[in-house]
PDB file of N, CA and C in Angstrom:
ATOM      1  N   MET A   1      48.891  46.291  56.116  1.00  0.00           N
ATOM      2  CA  MET A   1      47.750  46.445  56.894  1.00  0.00           C
ATOM      3  C   MET A   1      47.001  47.893  57.454  1.00  0.00           C
ATOM      4  N   THR A   2      47.897  48.735  57.571  1.00  0.00           N
ATOM      5  CA  THR A   2      47.421  50.235  57.720  1.00  0.00           C
ATOM      6  C   THR A   2      46.746  50.138  56.670  1.00  0.00           C
ATOM      7  N   TYR A   3      47.029  50.118  55.525  1.00  0.00           N
ATOM      8  CA  TYR A   3      46.301  50.540  54.167  1.00  0.00           C
ATOM      9  C   TYR A   3      44.965  50.155  54.325  1.00  0.00           C
ATOM     10  N   PHE A   4      44.686  48.923  54.467  1.00  0.00           N
ATOM     11  CA  PHE A   4      43.229  48.567  54.657  1.00  0.00           C
ATOM     12  C   PHE A   4      42.335  49.295  55.675  1.00  0.00           C
ATOM     13  N   LEU A   5      43.162  49.519  56.920  1.00  0.00           N
ATOM     14  CA  LEU A   5      42.193  49.844  57.864  1.00  0.00           C
ATOM     15  C   LEU A   5      42.038  51.737  57.910  1.00  0.00           C
ATOM     16  N   GLY A   6      42.903  52.304  57.154  1.00  0.00           N
ATOM     17  CA  GLY A   6      42.788  53.537  56.672  1.00  0.00           C
ATOM     18  C   GLY A   6      41.471  53.654  55.662  1.00  0.00           C
ATOM     19  N   ARG A   7      41.227  52.931  54.813  1.00  0.00           N
ATOM     20  CA  ARG A   7      40.331  52.647  53.695  1.00  0.00           C
ATOM     21  C   ARG A   7      38.793  52.397  54.610  1.00  0.00           C
ATOM     22  N   ARG A   8      38.777  51.661  55.382  1.00  0.00           N
ATOM     23  CA  ARG A   8      37.527  51.177  55.941  1.00  0.00           C
ATOM     24  C   ARG A   8      36.995  52.502  56.464  1.00  0.00           C
ATOM     25  N   PRO A   9      37.437  53.215  57.484  1.00  0.00           N
ATOM     26  CA  PRO A   9      36.657  54.377  57.887  1.00  0.00           C
ATOM     27  C   PRO A   9      35.960  55.232  56.900  1.00  0.00           C
ATOM     28  N   LEU A  10      37.016  55.356  55.434  1.00  0.00           N
ATOM     29  CA  LEU A  10      36.520  56.587  54.528  1.00  0.00           C
ATOM     30  C   LEU A  10      34.895  55.670  53.811  1.00  0.00           C
ATOM     31  N   ALA A  11      35.597  54.221  53.456  1.00  0.00           N
ATOM     32  CA  ALA A  11      34.440  53.329  52.994  1.00  0.00           C
ATOM     33  C   ALA A  11      33.150  53.545  54.102  1.00  0.00           C
ATOM     34  N   ALA A  12      33.042  53.503  55.285  1.00  0.00           N
ATOM     35  CA  ALA A  12      31.963  53.463  55.975  1.00  0.00           C
ATOM     36  C   ALA A  12      31.328  55.289  55.995  1.00  0.00           C
ATOM     37  N   ALA A  13      32.196  56.068  55.877  1.00  0.00           N
ATOM     38  CA  ALA A  13      31.868  57.391  55.686  1.00  0.00           C
ATOM     39  C   ALA A  13      31.106  57.579  54.378  1.00  0.00           C
ATOM     40  N   VAL A  14      31.579  57.191  53.447  1.00  0.00           N
ATOM     41  CA  VAL A  14      30.954  57.501  52.274  1.00  0.00           C
ATOM     42  C   VAL A  14      29.643  56.577  51.817  1.00  0.00           C
ATOM     43  N   GLY A  15      29.508  55.245  52.791  1.00  0.00           N
ATOM     44  CA  GLY A  15      28.396  54.521  52.787  1.00  0.00           C
ATOM     45  C   GLY A  15      27.329  55.425  53.390  1.00  0.00           C
ATOM     46  N   ALA A  16      27.677  55.942  54.710  1.00  0.00           N
ATOM     47  CA  ALA A  16      26.522  56.983  55.560  1.00  0.00           C
ATOM     48  C   ALA A  16      26.294  57.769  54.548  1.00  0.00           C
ATOM     49  N   VAL A  17      27.030  58.508  53.990  1.00  0.00           N
ATOM     50  CA  VAL A  17      26.327  59.445  53.189  1.00  0.00           C
ATOM     51  C   VAL A  17      25.732  59.023  52.454  1.00  0.00           C
ATOM     52  N   LEU A  18      25.687  58.646  51.252  1.00  0.00           N
ATOM     53  CA  LEU A  18      24.670  57.525  50.580  1.00  0.00           C
ATOM     54  C   LEU A  18      23.677  57.182  51.073  1.00  0.00           C
ATOM     55  N   ALA A  19      23.344  56.436  52.510  1.00  0.00           N
ATOM     56  CA  ALA A  19      22.455  55.865  52.857  1.00  0.00           C
ATOM     57  C   ALA A  19      21.280  57.248  53.372  1.00  0.00           C
ATOM     58  N   VAL A  20      22.205  58.201  54.085  1.00  0.00           N
ATOM     59  CA  VAL A  20      21.227  59.613  54.268  1.00  0.00           C
ATOM     60  C   VAL A  20      20.680  60.220  53.206  1.00  0.00           C
ATOM     61  N   GLY A  21      21.626  59.889  52.189  1.00  0.00           N
ATOM     62  CA  GLY A  21      20.937  60.568  50.747  1.00  0.00           C
ATOM     63  C   GLY A  21      19.806  60.037  50.589  1.00  0.00           C
ATOM     64  N   ALA A  22      20.304  58.719  50.287  1.00  0.00           N
ATOM     65  CA  ALA A  22      18.823  57.896  49.708  1.00  0.00           C
ATOM     66  C   ALA A  22      17.528  57.601  50.792  1.00  0.00           C
ATOM     67  N   THR A  23      17.513  57.710  51.862  1.00  0.00           N
ATOM     68  CA  THR A  23      16.291  58.013  53.349  1.00  0.00           C
ATOM     69  C   THR A  23      15.995  59.324  52.921  1.00  0.00           C
ATOM     70  N   GLY A  24      16.484  60.476  52.397  1.00  0.00           N
ATOM     71  CA  GLY A  24      15.930  61.885  52.275  1.00  0.00           C
ATOM     72  C   GLY A  24      14.885  61.572  50.904  1.00  0.00           C
ATOM     73  N   ALA A  25      15.630  60.895  49.959  1.00  0.00           N
ATOM     74  CA  ALA A  25      14.698  60.906  48.393  1.00  0.00           C
ATOM     75  C   ALA A  25      13.594  60.229  48.837  1.00  0.00           C
ATOM     76  N   VAL A  26      13.356  58.868  49.525  1.00  0.00           N
ATOM     77  CA  VAL A  26      12.516  58.593  50.327  1.00  0.00           C
ATOM     78  C   VAL A  26      11.249  58.858  50.934  1.00  0.00           C
ATOM     79  N   GLY A  27      11.738  59.591  52.004  1.00  0.00           N
ATOM     80  CA  GLY A  27      11.311  60.314  52.833  1.00  0.00           C
ATOM     81  C   GLY A  27      10.334  61.776  51.978  1.00  0.00           C
ATOM     82  N   GLN A  28      10.965  62.261  50.780  1.00  0.00           N
ATOM     83  CA  GLN A  28      10.439  63.299  50.462  1.00  0.00           C
ATOM     84  C   GLN A  28       9.477  62.403  49.389  1.00  0.00           C
ATOM     85  N   GLN A  29       9.595  61.564  48.665  1.00  0.00           N
ATOM     86  CA  GLN A  29       8.322  60.898  48.123  1.00  0.00           C
ATOM     87  C   GLN A  29       7.160  60.282  49.041  1.00  0.00           C
ATOM     88  N   LEU A  30       7.594  60.001  50.075  1.00  0.00           N
ATOM     89  CA  LEU A  30       6.511  59.427  51.278  1.00  0.00           C
ATOM     90  C   LEU A  30       5.619  60.717  51.305  1.00  0.00           C
ATOM     91  N   MET A  31       6.225  61.858  51.626  1.00  0.00           N
ATOM     92  CA  MET A  31       5.611  63.325  52.079  1.00  0.00           C
ATOM     93  C   MET A  31       4.901  64.112  50.987  1.00  0.00           C
ATOM     94  N   ALA A  32       5.241  63.611  49.642  1.00  0.00           N
ATOM     95  CA  ALA A  32       4.651  63.867  48.288  1.00  0.00           C
ATOM     96  C   ALA A  32       3.246  63.161  47.755  1.00  0.00           C
ATOM     97  N   ALA A  33       3.321  62.227  48.695  1.00  0.00           N
ATOM     98  CA  ALA A  33       2.289  61.254  48.617  1.00  0.00           C
ATOM     99  C   ALA A  33       0.883  61.501  49.610  1.00  0.00           C
ATOM    100  N   LYS A  34       0.778  62.379  50.025  1.00  0.00           N
ATOM    101  CA  LYS A  34      -0.410  62.784  50.812  1.00  0.00           C
ATOM    102  C   LYS A  34      -1.733  62.410  49.940  1.00  0.00           C
ATOM    103  N   SER A  35      -2.915  61.864  50.588  1.00  0.00           N
ATOM    104  CA  SER A  35      -4.009  61.747  50.006  1.00  0.00           C
ATOM    105  C   SER A  35      -4.875  61.510  51.106  1.00  0.00           C
ATOM    106  N   ALA A  36      -6.482  61.874  50.882  1.00  0.00           N
ATOM    107  CA  ALA A  36      -7.611  61.882  51.571  1.00  0.00           C
ATOM    108  C   ALA A  36      -8.754  61.373  50.817  1.00  0.00           C
ATOM    109  N   GLU A  37      -9.813  61.110  51.378  1.00  0.00           N
ATOM    110  CA  GLU A  37     -10.973  60.598  50.683  1.00  0.00           C
ATOM    111  C   GLU A  37     -12.083  61.068  51.493  1.00  0.00           C
ATOM    112  N   ILE A  38     -12.809  61.204  50.512  1.00  0.00           N
ATOM    113  CA  ILE A  38     -14.381  61.866  51.219  1.00  0.00           C
ATOM    114  C   ILE A  38     -15.562  60.730  50.352  1.00  0.00           C
ATOM    115  N   ASP A  39     -16.187  60.087  51.407  1.00  0.00           N
ATOM    116  CA  ASP A  39     -17.152  59.004  50.838  1.00  0.00           C
ATOM    117  C   ASP A  39     -18.567  60.038  50.351  1.00  0.00           C
ATOM    118  N   ILE A  40     -19.310  59.566  49.330  1.00  0.00           N
ATOM    119  CA  ILE A  40     -20.476  59.948  48.931  1.00  0.00           C
ATOM    120  C   ILE A  40     -21.510  58.520  49.437  1.00  0.00           C
ATOM    121  N   VAL A  41     -22.088  58.987  50.204  1.00  0.00           N
ATOM    122  CA  VAL A  41     -23.066  58.188  50.854  1.00  0.00           C
ATOM    123  C   VAL A  41     -24.666  58.938  51.366  1.00  0.00           C
ATOM    124  N   ASN A  42     -25.672  57.892  50.913  1.00  0.00           N
ATOM    125  CA  ASN A  42     -26.648  58.419  51.037  1.00  0.00           C
ATOM    126  C   ASN A  42     -26.935  59.973  50.656  1.00  0.00           C
ATOM    127  N   PHE A  43     -26.753  60.561  49.570  1.00  0.00           N
ATOM    128  CA  PHE A  43     -26.754  61.909  48.805  1.00  0.00           C
ATOM    129  C   PHE A  43     -26.104  62.831  49.866  1.00  0.00           C
ATOM    130  N   ALA A  44     -24.766  62.248  50.466  1.00  0.00           N
ATOM    131  CA  ALA A  44     -24.164  63.401  51.451  1.00  0.00           C
ATOM    132  C   ALA A  44     -22.591  63.015  51.344  1.00  0.00           C
ATOM    133  N   PHE A  45     -21.610  64.270  51.307  1.00  0.00           N
ATOM    134  CA  PHE A  45     -20.292  64.130  51.387  1.00  0.00           C
ATOM    135  C   PHE A  45     -19.898  63.945  53.087  1.00  0.00           C
ATOM    136  N   THR A  46     -19.323  62.722  53.106  1.00  0.00           N
ATOM    137  CA  THR A  46     -18.908  62.487  54.315  1.00  0.00           C
ATOM    138  C   THR A  46     -17.398  62.165  54.236  1.00  0.00           C
ATOM    139  N   PRO A  47     -16.553  63.033  54.931  1.00  0.00           N
ATOM    140  CA  PRO A  47     -17.011  63.970  56.032  1.00  0.00           C
ATOM    141  C   PRO A  47     -17.426  65.323  55.004  1.00  0.00           C
ATOM    142  N   GLN A  48     -18.177  65.969  55.869  1.00  0.00           N
ATOM    143  CA  GLN A  48     -18.881  67.434  54.936  1.00  0.00           C
ATOM    144  C   GLN A  48     -17.646  68.303  54.972  1.00  0.00           C
ATOM    145  N   THR A  49     -16.623  68.428  55.861  1.00  0.00           N
ATOM    146  CA  THR A  49     -15.573  69.466  55.920  1.00  0.00           C
ATOM    147  C   THR A  49     -14.424  68.698  56.072  1.00  0.00           C
ATOM    148  N   LEU A  50     -13.300  68.712  55.662  1.00  0.00           N
ATOM    149  CA  LEU A  50     -12.163  67.943  55.440  1.00  0.00           C
ATOM    150  C   LEU A  50     -11.037  69.084  55.267  1.00  0.00           C
ATOM    151  N   THR A  51     -10.140  69.307  56.095  1.00  0.00           N
ATOM    152  CA  THR A  51      -8.834  69.813  56.287  1.00  0.00           C
ATOM    153  C   THR A  51      -7.474  69.003  55.972  1.00  0.00           C
ATOM    154  N   VAL A  52      -7.288  69.609  55.052  1.00  0.00           N
ATOM    155  CA  VAL A  52      -5.720  68.757  54.283  1.00  0.00           C
ATOM    156  C   VAL A  52      -4.762  70.103  54.196  1.00  0.00           C
ATOM    157  N   ALA A  53      -3.518  69.256  53.902  1.00  0.00           N
ATOM    158  CA  ALA A  53      -2.214  70.076  54.078  1.00  0.00           C
ATOM    159  C   ALA A  53      -1.989  70.372  52.322  1.00  0.00           C
ATOM    160  N   ARG A  54      -1.436  71.357  51.820  1.00  0.00           N
ATOM    161  CA  ARG A  54      -0.981  71.473  50.366  1.00  0.00           C
ATOM    162  C   ARG A  54      -0.525  70.602  49.764  1.00  0.00           C
ATOM    163  N   GLY A  55      -0.820  70.097  48.489  1.00  0.00           N
ATOM    164  CA  GLY A  55      -0.168  69.023  47.683  1.00  0.00           C
ATOM    165  C   GLY A  55      -1.263  67.535  48.098  1.00  0.00           C
ATOM    166  N   THR A  56      -2.354  67.735  49.071  1.00  0.00           N
ATOM    167  CA  THR A  56      -2.929  66.252  49.241  1.00  0.00           C
ATOM    168  C   THR A  56      -3.994  66.106  48.255  1.00  0.00           C
ATOM    169  N   ALA A  57      -3.694  65.426  47.352  1.00  0.00           N
ATOM    170  CA  ALA A  57      -4.793  64.613  46.454  1.00  0.00           C
ATOM    171  C   ALA A  57      -5.844  64.109  47.115  1.00  0.00           C
ATOM    172  N   VAL A  58      -7.204  64.727  47.050  1.00  0.00           N
ATOM    173  CA  VAL A  58      -8.592  63.981  47.738  1.00  0.00           C
ATOM    174  C   VAL A  58      -9.176  63.395  46.863  1.00  0.00           C
ATOM    175  N   THR A  59      -9.857  61.895  47.359  1.00  0.00           N
ATOM    176  CA  THR A  59     -10.618  61.396  46.336  1.00  0.00           C
ATOM    177  C   THR A  59     -11.987  61.050  46.852  1.00  0.00           C
ATOM    178  N   TRP A  60     -12.937  61.242  45.886  1.00  0.00           N
ATOM    179  CA  TRP A  60     -14.584  61.428  46.539  1.00  0.00           C
ATOM    180  C   TRP A  60     -14.952  60.058  45.559  1.00  0.00           C
ATOM    181  N   ASP A  61     -15.320  59.108  46.436  1.00  0.00           N
ATOM    182  CA  ASP A  61     -15.337  57.968  46.479  1.00  0.00           C
ATOM    183  C   ASP A  61     -17.277  57.513  46.410  1.00  0.00           C
ATOM    184  N   ASN A  62     -17.903  57.363  45.246  1.00  0.00           N
ATOM    185  CA  ASN A  62     -19.347  57.600  45.002  1.00  0.00           C
ATOM    186  C   ASN A  62     -19.950  56.207  45.326  1.00  0.00           C
ATOM    187  N   LYS A  63     -20.373  55.905  46.658  1.00  0.00           N
ATOM    188  CA  LYS A  63     -20.951  54.942  46.954  1.00  0.00           C
ATOM    189  C   LYS A  63     -22.312  54.474  46.954  1.00  0.00           C
ATOM    190  N   ASP A  64     -23.062  55.805  46.425  1.00  0.00           N
ATOM    191  CA  ASP A  64     -24.392  55.536  45.950  1.00  0.00           C
ATOM    192  C   ASP A  64     -24.525  55.040  44.922  1.00  0.00           C
ATOM    193  N   GLU A  65     -25.929  54.457  44.488  1.00  0.00           N
ATOM    194  CA  GLU A  65     -26.498  54.230  43.241  1.00  0.00           C
ATOM    195  C   GLU A  65     -26.676  55.078  42.035  1.00  0.00           C
ATOM    196  N   GLU A  66     -26.808  56.343  43.019  1.00  0.00           N
ATOM    197  CA  GLU A  66     -26.916  57.010  41.507  1.00  0.00           C
ATOM    198  C   GLU A  66     -25.702  58.170  41.435  1.00  0.00           C
ATOM    199  N   PRO A  67     -25.491  58.488  39.926  1.00  0.00           N
ATOM    200  CA  PRO A  67     -24.354  59.389  39.879  1.00  0.00           C
ATOM    201  C   PRO A  67     -24.430  60.548  40.385  1.00  0.00           C
ATOM    202  N   HIS A  68     -23.383  61.058  40.543  1.00  0.00           N
ATOM    203  CA  HIS A  68     -23.320  62.639  41.485  1.00  0.00           C
ATOM    204  C   HIS A  68     -21.837  62.953  40.293  1.00  0.00           C
ATOM    205  N   ASN A  69     -21.535  64.429  40.983  1.00  0.00           N
ATOM    206  CA  ASN A  69     -20.397  65.218  40.159  1.00  0.00           C
ATOM    207  C   ASN A  69     -20.078  66.101  41.451  1.00  0.00           C
ATOM    208  N   ILE A  70     -18.841  66.410  41.373  1.00  0.00           N
ATOM    209  CA  ILE A  70     -18.003  67.289  42.588  1.00  0.00           C
ATOM    210  C   ILE A  70     -17.913  68.381  41.754  1.00  0.00           C
ATOM    211  N   VAL A  71     -18.391  69.737  42.225  1.00  0.00           N
ATOM    212  CA  VAL A  71     -18.152  70.862  41.480  1.00  0.00           C
ATOM    213  C   VAL A  71     -18.149  72.208  42.246  1.00  0.00           C
ATOM    214  N   ASP A  72     -16.774  72.848  42.171  1.00  0.00           N
ATOM    215  CA  ASP A  72     -16.335  73.687  43.200  1.00  0.00           C
ATOM    216  C   ASP A  72     -17.363  74.804  42.953  1.00  0.00           C
ATOM    217  N   VAL A  73     -17.456  75.661  44.254  1.00  0.00           N
ATOM    218  CA  VAL A  73     -18.415  76.993  43.765  1.00  0.00           C
ATOM    219  C   VAL A  73     -17.426  78.109  44.525  1.00  0.00           C
ATOM    220  N   PRO A  74     -16.733  78.830  43.210  1.00  0.00           N
ATOM    221  CA  PRO A  74     -15.900  80.082  44.188  1.00  0.00           C
ATOM    222  C   PRO A  74     -16.527  81.259  44.377  1.00  0.00           C
ATOM    223  N   SER A  75     -16.107  82.071  45.203  1.00  0.00           N
ATOM    224  CA  SER A  75     -16.665  83.153  45.593  1.00  0.00           C
ATOM    225  C   SER A  75     -15.619  84.513  45.369  1.00  0.00           C
ATOM    226  N   ASP A  76     -15.882  85.405  45.323  1.00  0.00           N
ATOM    227  CA  ASP A  76     -15.472  86.716  45.599  1.00  0.00           C
ATOM    228  C   ASP A  76     -14.836  86.431  44.031  1.00  0.00           C
ATOM    229  N   GLY A  77     -15.638  86.158  42.707  1.00  0.00           N
ATOM    230  CA  GLY A  77     -15.506  86.296  41.372  1.00  0.00           C
ATOM    231  C   GLY A  77     -14.135  85.419  41.196  1.00  0.00           C
ATOM    232  N   LYS A  78     -13.769  84.706  41.689  1.00  0.00           N
ATOM    233  CA  LYS A  78     -12.563  83.748  41.676  1.00  0.00           C
ATOM    234  C   LYS A  78     -13.356  82.629  40.377  1.00  0.00           C
ATOM    235  N   PRO A  79     -12.123  82.098  39.548  1.00  0.00           N
ATOM    236  CA  PRO A  79     -12.676  81.377  38.660  1.00  0.00           C
ATOM    237  C   PRO A  79     -12.742  79.695  39.545  1.00  0.00           C
ATOM    238  N   ARG A  80     -13.365  79.132  38.990  1.00  0.00           N
ATOM    239  CA  ARG A  80     -13.708  77.506  39.194  1.00  0.00           C
ATOM    240  C   ARG A  80     -12.313  76.758  39.083  1.00  0.00           C
ATOM    241  N   VAL A  81     -12.158  76.163  40.220  1.00  0.00           N
ATOM    242  CA  VAL A  81     -10.617  75.312  40.156  1.00  0.00           C
ATOM    243  C   VAL A  81     -10.715  73.903  39.795  1.00  0.00           C
ATOM    244  N   PHE A  82     -12.225  73.196  39.902  1.00  0.00           N
ATOM    245  CA  PHE A  82     -12.180  71.953  39.768  1.00  0.00           C
ATOM    246  C   PHE A  82     -13.903  71.459  39.460  1.00  0.00           C
ATOM    247  N   ARG A  83     -13.747  70.482  38.422  1.00  0.00           N
ATOM    248  CA  ARG A  83     -15.469  70.007  38.115  1.00  0.00           C
ATOM    249  C   ARG A  83     -15.118  68.264  37.697  1.00  0.00           C
ATOM    250  N   SER A  84     -15.745  67.807  38.435  1.00  0.00           N
ATOM    251  CA  SER A  84     -15.663  66.474  37.825  1.00  0.00           C
ATOM    252  C   SER A  84     -17.000  66.343  37.009  1.00  0.00           C
ATOM    253  N   GLY A  85     -16.831  65.174  35.847  1.00  0.00           N
ATOM    254  CA  GLY A  85     -17.846  64.601  35.150  1.00  0.00           C
ATOM    255  C   GLY A  85     -18.682  63.870  36.115  1.00  0.00           C
ATOM    256  N   ALA A  86     -19.848  63.145  35.353  1.00  0.00           N
ATOM    257  CA  ALA A  86     -20.783  62.281  36.243  1.00  0.00           C
ATOM    258  C   ALA A  86     -19.722  60.958  36.865  1.00  0.00           C
ATOM    259  N   VAL A  87     -20.020  60.881  38.244  1.00  0.00           N
ATOM    260  CA  VAL A  87     -19.340  59.837  38.687  1.00  0.00           C
ATOM    261  C   VAL A  87     -20.228  58.620  39.081  1.00  0.00           C
ATOM    262  N   ASP A  88     -20.159  57.658  38.900  1.00  0.00           N
ATOM    263  CA  ASP A  88     -21.507  56.699  38.616  1.00  0.00           C
ATOM    264  C   ASP A  88     -21.272  56.001  39.947  1.00  0.00           C
ATOM    265  N   GLY A  89     -22.116  55.260  40.462  1.00  0.00           N
ATOM    266  CA  GLY A  89     -21.625  54.507  41.705  1.00  0.00           C
ATOM    267  C   GLY A  89     -20.570  53.460  41.767  1.00  0.00           C
ATOM    268  N   GLY A  90     -19.825  53.416  42.567  1.00  0.00           N
ATOM    269  CA  GLY A  90     -18.607  52.785  42.511  1.00  0.00           C
ATOM    270  C   GLY A  90     -17.261  53.524  41.858  1.00  0.00           C
ATOM    271  N   GLU A  91     -17.733  54.531  41.139  1.00  0.00           N
ATOM    272  CA  GLU A  91     -16.359  55.241  40.813  1.00  0.00           C
ATOM    273  C   GLU A  91     -16.182  56.344  41.760  1.00  0.00           C
ATOM    274  N   LYS A  92     -14.930  56.724  41.002  1.00  0.00           N
ATOM    275  CA  LYS A  92     -14.127  57.911  42.091  1.00  0.00           C
ATOM    276  C   LYS A  92     -13.829  58.898  41.427  1.00  0.00           C
ATOM    277  N   TYR A  93     -13.390  60.417  41.804  1.00  0.00           N
ATOM    278  CA  TYR A  93     -12.577  61.377  41.117  1.00  0.00           C
ATOM    279  C   TYR A  93     -11.676  61.599  42.379  1.00  0.00           C
ATOM    280  N   THR A  94     -10.640  62.032  41.871  1.00  0.00           N
ATOM    281  CA  THR A  94      -9.787  62.924  42.335  1.00  0.00           C
ATOM    282  C   THR A  94      -9.187  64.436  41.876  1.00  0.00           C
ATOM    283  N   PHE A  95      -8.886  65.237  42.760  1.00  0.00           N
ATOM    284  CA  PHE A  95      -8.201  66.529  42.878  1.00  0.00           C
ATOM    285  C   PHE A  95      -7.455  66.670  43.859  1.00  0.00           C
ATOM    286  N   THR A  96      -6.045  67.469  42.951  1.00  0.00           N
ATOM    287  CA  THR A  96      -4.883  67.501  43.815  1.00  0.00           C
ATOM    288  C   THR A  96      -5.023  68.949  44.355  1.00  0.00           C
ATOM    289  N   PHE A  97      -4.745  69.415  45.618  1.00  0.00           N
ATOM    290  CA  PHE A  97      -5.230  70.977  45.976  1.00  0.00           C
ATOM    291  C   PHE A  97      -3.593  71.439  46.424  1.00  0.00           C
ATOM    292  N   ASN A  98      -3.353  72.148  45.535  1.00  0.00           N
ATOM    293  CA  ASN A  98      -2.184  72.392  45.321  1.00  0.00           C
ATOM    294  C   ASN A  98      -1.697  74.189  46.088  1.00  0.00           C
ATOM    295  N   ASP A  99      -3.009  74.827  46.486  1.00  0.00           N
ATOM    296  CA  ASP A  99      -3.343  75.992  47.009  1.00  0.00           C
ATOM    297  C   ASP A  99      -3.799  76.184  48.061  1.00  0.00           C
ATOM    298  N   PRO A 100      -3.435  76.924  49.152  1.00  0.00           N
ATOM    299  CA  PRO A 100      -4.296  76.899  50.358  1.00  0.00           C
ATOM    300  C   PRO A 100      -5.585  77.603  50.324  1.00  0.00           C
ATOM    301  N   GLY A 101      -6.527  77.355  51.011  1.00  0.00           N
ATOM    302  CA  GLY A 101      -7.817  78.207  50.994  1.00  0.00           C
ATOM    303  C   GLY A 101      -9.158  77.343  51.367  1.00  0.00           C
ATOM    304  N   THR A 102      -9.892  78.044  51.291  1.00  0.00           N
ATOM    305  CA  THR A 102     -11.201  77.179  51.606  1.00  0.00           C
ATOM    306  C   THR A 102     -11.848  76.881  50.308  1.00  0.00           C
ATOM    307  N   TYR A 103     -12.069  75.582  49.706  1.00  0.00           N
ATOM    308  CA  TYR A 103     -12.940  75.259  48.667  1.00  0.00           C
ATOM    309  C   TYR A 103     -14.579  74.669  49.257  1.00  0.00           C
ATOM    310  N   LYS A 104     -15.617  75.553  48.663  1.00  0.00           N
ATOM    311  CA  LYS A 104     -16.685  75.086  49.017  1.00  0.00           C
ATOM    312  C   LYS A 104     -17.111  74.340  47.487  1.00  0.00           C
ATOM    313  N   TYR A 105     -17.848  73.009  47.811  1.00  0.00           N
ATOM    314  CA  TYR A 105     -18.493  72.532  46.311  1.00  0.00           C
ATOM    315  C   TYR A 105     -19.723  71.905  46.518  1.00  0.00           C
ATOM    316  N   ILE A 106     -20.182  71.234  45.454  1.00  0.00           N
ATOM    317  CA  ILE A 106     -21.659  70.894  45.540  1.00  0.00           C
ATOM    318  C   ILE A 106     -21.626  69.641  44.709  1.00  0.00           C
ATOM    319  N   CYS A 107     -22.506  68.805  44.376  1.00  0.00           N
ATOM    320  CA  CYS A 107     -23.021  67.824  43.452  1.00  0.00           C
ATOM    321  C   CYS A 107     -23.940  68.828  42.627  1.00  0.00           C
ATOM    322  N   SER A 108     -23.622  69.461  41.549  1.00  0.00           N
ATOM    323  CA  SER A 108     -24.591  70.027  40.667  1.00  0.00           C
ATOM    324  C   SER A 108     -25.826  69.184  40.180  1.00  0.00           C
ATOM    325  N   ILE A 109     -25.607  68.209  40.171  1.00  0.00           N
ATOM    326  CA  ILE A 109     -27.283  67.228  40.199  1.00  0.00           C
ATOM    327  C   ILE A 109     -27.918  66.854  41.103  1.00  0.00           C
ATOM    328  N   HIS A 110     -27.455  67.495  42.219  1.00  0.00           N
ATOM    329  CA  HIS A 110     -27.926  67.171  43.386  1.00  0.00           C
ATOM    330  C   HIS A 110     -27.800  68.317  44.330  1.00  0.00           C
ATOM    331  N   PRO A 111     -27.963  69.646  44.046  1.00  0.00           N
ATOM    332  CA  PRO A 111     -27.482  70.756  44.734  1.00  0.00           C
ATOM    333  C   PRO A 111     -27.167  71.097  46.086  1.00  0.00           C
ATOM    334  N   ARG A 112     -28.543  70.486  46.828  1.00  0.00           N
ATOM    335  CA  ARG A 112     -28.358  70.306  48.530  1.00  0.00           C
ATOM    336  C   ARG A 112     -27.189  69.549  48.981  1.00  0.00           C
ATOM    337  N   MET A 113     -26.310  68.889  48.084  1.00  0.00           N
ATOM    338  CA  MET A 113     -25.179  67.760  48.576  1.00  0.00           C
ATOM    339  C   MET A 113     -24.098  69.062  49.034  1.00  0.00           C
ATOM    340  N   GLU A 114     -23.622  69.240  49.822  1.00  0.00           N
ATOM    341  CA  GLU A 114     -22.409  70.320  49.938  1.00  0.00           C
ATOM    342  C   GLU A 114     -21.614  70.344  50.519  1.00  0.00           C
ATOM    343  N   GLY A 115     -20.446  70.543  50.329  1.00  0.00           N
ATOM    344  CA  GLY A 115     -19.072  69.907  51.467  1.00  0.00           C
ATOM    345  C   GLY A 115     -17.918  71.330  51.350  1.00  0.00           C
ATOM    346  N   THR A 116     -17.133  71.441  51.684  1.00  0.00           N
ATOM    347  CA  THR A 116     -15.877  72.158  51.661  1.00  0.00           C
ATOM    348  C   THR A 116     -14.494  71.154  52.247  1.00  0.00           C
ATOM    349  N   VAL A 117     -13.470  71.634  51.631  1.00  0.00           N
ATOM    350  CA  VAL A 117     -12.150  71.275  51.682  1.00  0.00           C
ATOM    351  C   VAL A 117     -11.382  72.712  51.942  1.00  0.00           C
ATOM    352  N   VAL A 118     -10.641  72.576  53.096  1.00  0.00           N
ATOM    353  CA  VAL A 118      -9.876  73.631  54.017  1.00  0.00           C
ATOM    354  C   VAL A 118      -8.584  72.747  53.553  1.00  0.00           C
ATOM    355  N   VAL A 119      -7.917  74.098  53.057  1.00  0.00           N
ATOM    356  CA  VAL A 119      -6.346  73.455  52.094  1.00  0.00           C
ATOM    357  C   VAL A 119      -5.277  74.720  53.278  1.00  0.00           C
ATOM    358  N   LYS A 120      -4.540  74.223  54.233  1.00  0.00           N
ATOM    359  CA  LYS A 120      -3.967  74.655  55.048  1.00  0.00           C
ATOM    360  C   LYS A 120      -2.210  74.873  54.214  1.00  0.00           C
TER     361      LYS A 120
END
C-alpha cells in the first residue's frame, strides 16, 4: 500500500507541471492573437486614430459602397510600410503592426480620408 501512496504525490506533481505548461502555451497563443478594427463609413476612417500594442492585426472594413484603399504616408524619408489594393464595399484589408511608431495613412482614391495608427 505504501508503494501506491508514494506514487500518487509524484503523479499529481507531474500532472500539475504539465497543466501549467499547457496553460502557458494557450495563454501565449491568446496573447499573440491581438486584433483591432477600423470601419470605413461615409468616406471616413472610424476611429480616425487607433492605438494598439505591437503585434496587433488591424483590419479595415469597408462599409461604403465605393472602393477605397489604405496607404501609409511615411515621414522623414522612411519607406512605405503598407498599401492595400482597392477594397470594395463589404471587403476588408488587414495589416499586422510589429514595430512601434505612428503610422499616418490615407485612401489614395479619396485623399481627404486620413487616419492614424499608433503602435506602442
